[in-house]
Amino acid sequence: MKRHTLLSILLLQLLLITIRSYVNPVQGLYDAPDPGVFRDVDGTYYAAVTGGTGNLKFPIYKSKNMTSWVQVSSALL
C-alpha cells in the first residue's frame, strides 16, 4: 500500500511540473543568437539579439514576464 501511495505522489508531482513548465521563447526564436536582456524601471524586460532576417537586423523584444516576448523594434533598420 505504501508503494502504491508513493507512486501516486510521484506521478502527481510529475504532472504538476509538466503543467508549470514552458518553452523558453528566446531560445525558440529563429535566428536569435547572443540574447542580451535588461529590465526597465517599470519592470518590463527587453531583449536584443545579434541576428535577424530580412531588413530587420538586431531585433528588440519586449516582455512583462520573461516568457512571452513580442518584437517591438529593431536596432538597425
Protein backbone atom coordinates (compact mmCIF):
# COMPACT_ATOMS: atom_id res chain seq x y z
CA MET A 1 0.00 0.00 0.00
CA LYS A 2 2.84 2.41 0.82
CA ARG A 3 4.44 1.68 -2.53
CA HIS A 4 1.19 2.48 -4.37
CA THR A 5 0.80 5.75 -2.43
CA LEU A 6 4.39 6.77 -3.13
CA LEU A 7 3.96 6.05 -6.83
CA SER A 8 0.75 8.11 -6.90
CA ILE A 9 2.50 11.06 -5.24
CA LEU A 10 5.42 10.89 -7.67
CA LEU A 11 3.08 10.80 -10.68
CA LEU A 12 1.12 13.77 -9.33
CA GLN A 13 4.32 15.77 -8.84
CA LEU A 14 5.44 14.94 -12.38
CA LEU A 15 2.08 16.12 -13.71
CA LEU A 16 2.33 19.40 -11.79
CA ILE A 17 5.88 20.02 -13.06
CA THR A 18 4.70 19.39 -16.62
CA ILE A 19 1.78 21.80 -16.25
CA ARG A 20 4.01 24.55 -14.86
CA SER A 21 6.77 24.16 -17.44
CA TYR A 22 7.14 26.35 -20.51
CA VAL A 23 9.28 26.64 -23.59
CA ASN A 24 11.78 29.46 -23.45
CA PRO A 25 10.64 31.74 -26.29
CA VAL A 26 14.01 33.47 -26.57
CA GLN A 27 15.68 30.14 -27.32
CA GLY A 28 12.91 29.27 -29.74
CA LEU A 29 13.27 32.42 -31.83
CA TYR A 30 14.53 31.83 -35.33
CA ASP A 31 18.00 33.30 -35.87
CA ALA A 32 18.30 34.91 -32.43
CA PRO A 33 21.83 34.28 -31.11
CA ASP A 34 23.51 36.04 -28.19
CA PRO A 35 20.45 37.49 -26.43
CA GLY A 36 21.10 40.36 -24.06
CA VAL A 37 18.30 41.07 -21.59
CA PHE A 38 17.75 44.03 -19.27
CA ARG A 39 14.91 45.21 -17.04
CA ASP A 40 13.45 48.71 -17.26
CA VAL A 41 12.44 50.64 -14.13
CA ASP A 42 8.76 49.79 -14.74
CA GLY A 43 9.54 46.04 -14.67
CA THR A 44 9.43 45.49 -18.44
CA TYR A 45 12.15 43.25 -19.84
CA TYR A 46 13.83 43.94 -23.18
CA ALA A 47 15.97 41.53 -25.16
CA ALA A 48 18.22 42.38 -28.07
CA VAL A 49 19.77 39.68 -30.22
CA THR A 50 22.57 39.82 -32.76
CA GLY A 51 20.69 38.10 -35.57
CA GLY A 52 17.73 38.92 -37.70
CA THR A 53 16.19 38.13 -41.03
CA GLY A 54 15.33 40.31 -43.98
CA ASN A 55 15.59 44.04 -43.36
CA LEU A 56 15.20 43.71 -39.58
CA LYS A 57 18.68 43.41 -38.11
CA PHE A 58 19.28 43.17 -34.36
CA PRO A 59 15.60 42.75 -33.35
CA ILE A 60 14.45 44.04 -29.96
CA TYR A 61 11.84 42.09 -27.98
CA LYS A 62 9.70 43.15 -25.01
CA SER A 63 8.19 41.08 -22.18
CA LYS A 64 6.49 41.61 -18.82
CA ASN A 65 7.14 38.06 -17.55
CA MET A 66 10.22 36.83 -19.47
CA THR A 67 8.20 34.02 -21.05
CA SER A 68 6.04 35.84 -23.61
CA TRP A 69 8.09 38.01 -25.96
CA VAL A 70 6.90 40.44 -28.65
CA GLN A 71 9.17 42.09 -31.19
CA VAL A 72 8.84 45.84 -30.75
CA SER A 73 11.65 47.28 -32.85
CA SER A 74 14.99 46.73 -34.47
CA ALA A 75 18.30 48.36 -33.62
CA LEU A 76 19.22 48.66 -37.31
CA LEU A 77 16.55 49.09 -39.96
